[in-house]
Amino acid sequence: MRMKQHRRILKEVLETDEKEREQEIERMMPTLCSLVDDATYITGLEDGVGALIALYILCTSHNINTVDYYQDIKTRLMNLIDHLQDNMLRKFPPQGSTEA
């Protein structure tokens, strides 16, 4: 996905019939999830943020209920971010407090 990926998602959803837009998002979700879960960490972060942006816009500007999908992608992104931080902490463990 790269930057501006949210525009591709928006275009794909908004080109479908208005009554089928939620189904289109549901159809896209496995792909959006794998973009976060199966990519390198930089790509996963970028693509996940792009998906969140698109889902937010679809909800707030186009009145499509994307709340559950947004939460799913957000959770996956937070898991990725936590994993990255764990890697950093293994390399540089926090030092114990030296205050008395």
Protein backbone atom coordinates (compact mmCIF):
# COMPACT_ATOMS: atom_id res chain seq x y z
CA MET A 1 0.00 0.00 0.00
CA ARG A 2 2.25 3.10 0.40
CA MET A 3 1.25 6.60 1.19
CA LYS A 4 -1.96 7.66 -0.51
CA GLN A 5 -3.14 4.06 -0.16
CA HIS A 6 -6.16 5.39 1.66
CA ARG A 7 -7.22 7.01 -1.62
CA ARG A 8 -7.13 3.66 -3.40
CA ILE A 9 -9.29 2.11 -0.69
CA LEU A 10 -11.73 5.03 -0.77
CA LYS A 11 -11.98 4.88 -4.56
CA GLU A 12 -12.58 1.14 -4.56
CA VAL A 13 -15.32 1.37 -1.93
CA LEU A 14 -17.02 4.49 -3.27
CA GLU A 15 -17.17 3.09 -6.81
CA THR A 16 -19.46 0.32 -5.59
CA ASP A 17 -23.20 0.74 -5.28
CA GLU A 18 -24.09 2.63 -2.11
CA LYS A 19 -26.00 -0.34 -0.69
CA GLU A 20 -23.02 -2.65 -1.21
CA ARG A 21 -20.28 -0.52 0.31
CA GLU A 22 -20.19 -2.22 3.70
CA GLN A 23 -19.96 -5.59 1.94
CA GLU A 24 -17.10 -4.25 -0.19
CA ILE A 25 -15.21 -3.21 2.93
CA GLU A 26 -15.86 -6.62 4.48
CA ARG A 27 -14.52 -8.25 1.31
CA MET A 28 -11.37 -6.09 1.48
CA MET A 29 -10.64 -6.77 5.16
CA PRO A 30 -8.60 -9.97 4.76
CA THR A 31 -6.32 -8.12 2.35
CA LEU A 32 -6.07 -5.07 4.61
CA CYS A 33 -5.27 -7.28 7.60
CA SER A 34 -2.58 -9.18 5.74
CA LEU A 35 -0.98 -5.90 4.70
CA VAL A 36 -0.33 -5.24 8.39
CA ASP A 37 0.30 -8.81 9.54
CA ASP A 38 2.39 -10.22 6.71
CA ALA A 39 4.50 -7.27 5.58
CA THR A 40 7.81 -5.93 6.76
CA TYR A 41 7.36 -3.66 9.75
CA ILE A 42 7.73 -0.38 7.85
CA THR A 43 5.31 -1.48 5.15
CA GLY A 44 2.91 -2.87 7.75
CA LEU A 45 2.90 0.42 9.64
CA GLU A 46 2.40 2.50 6.49
CA ASP A 47 -0.32 0.26 5.10
CA GLY A 48 -2.09 -0.04 8.42
CA VAL A 49 -2.20 3.72 8.88
CA GLY A 50 -3.49 4.10 5.32
CA ALA A 51 -6.27 1.62 6.05
CA LEU A 52 -7.18 3.46 9.27
CA ILE A 53 -7.36 6.77 7.42
CA ALA A 54 -9.65 5.29 4.77
CA LEU A 55 -11.91 3.59 7.31
CA TYR A 56 -12.15 6.82 9.32
CA ILE A 57 -13.11 8.85 6.25
CA LEU A 58 -15.64 6.26 5.11
CA CYS A 59 -17.27 6.38 8.55
CA THR A 60 -17.25 10.10 9.25
CA SER A 61 -17.70 11.51 5.74
CA HIS A 62 -19.71 8.80 3.99
CA ASN A 63 -21.80 7.42 6.87
CA ILE A 64 -20.57 3.84 6.49
CA ASN A 65 -20.24 1.87 9.70
CA THR A 66 -16.55 0.92 9.73
CA VAL A 67 -16.11 0.94 13.52
CA ASP A 68 -15.42 -2.80 13.89
CA TYR A 69 -13.08 -2.85 10.89
CA TYR A 70 -11.22 0.19 12.21
CA GLN A 71 -10.82 -1.49 15.60
CA ASP A 72 -9.49 -4.66 13.96
CA ILE A 73 -6.80 -2.80 11.99
CA LYS A 74 -5.98 -0.62 15.00
CA THR A 75 -5.46 -3.72 17.17
CA ARG A 76 -3.18 -5.26 14.57
CA LEU A 77 -1.16 -2.05 14.34
CA MET A 78 -0.85 -1.81 18.11
CA ASN A 79 0.37 -5.42 18.23
CA LEU A 80 2.98 -4.59 15.59
CA ILE A 81 4.07 -1.47 17.47
CA ASP A 82 4.32 -3.45 20.72
CA HIS A 83 6.41 -6.10 18.94
CA LEU A 84 8.78 -3.43 17.62
CA GLN A 85 9.15 -1.93 21.08
CA ASP A 86 9.83 -5.37 22.56
CA ASN A 87 12.64 -5.81 20.03
CA MET A 88 14.11 -2.47 21.07
CA LEU A 89 13.86 -3.29 24.77
CA ARG A 90 15.61 -6.63 24.24
CA LYS A 91 18.47 -4.77 22.63
CA PHE A 92 18.49 -1.96 25.19
CA PRO A 93 16.84 -3.11 28.43
CA PRO A 94 15.69 -0.33 30.73
CA GLN A 95 18.16 0.43 33.46
CA GLY A 96 16.95 0.11 37.04
CA SER A 97 16.20 3.27 38.94
CA THR A 98 19.21 4.50 40.92
CA GLU A 99 17.19 6.89 43.08
CA ALA A 100 17.09 6.19 46.81
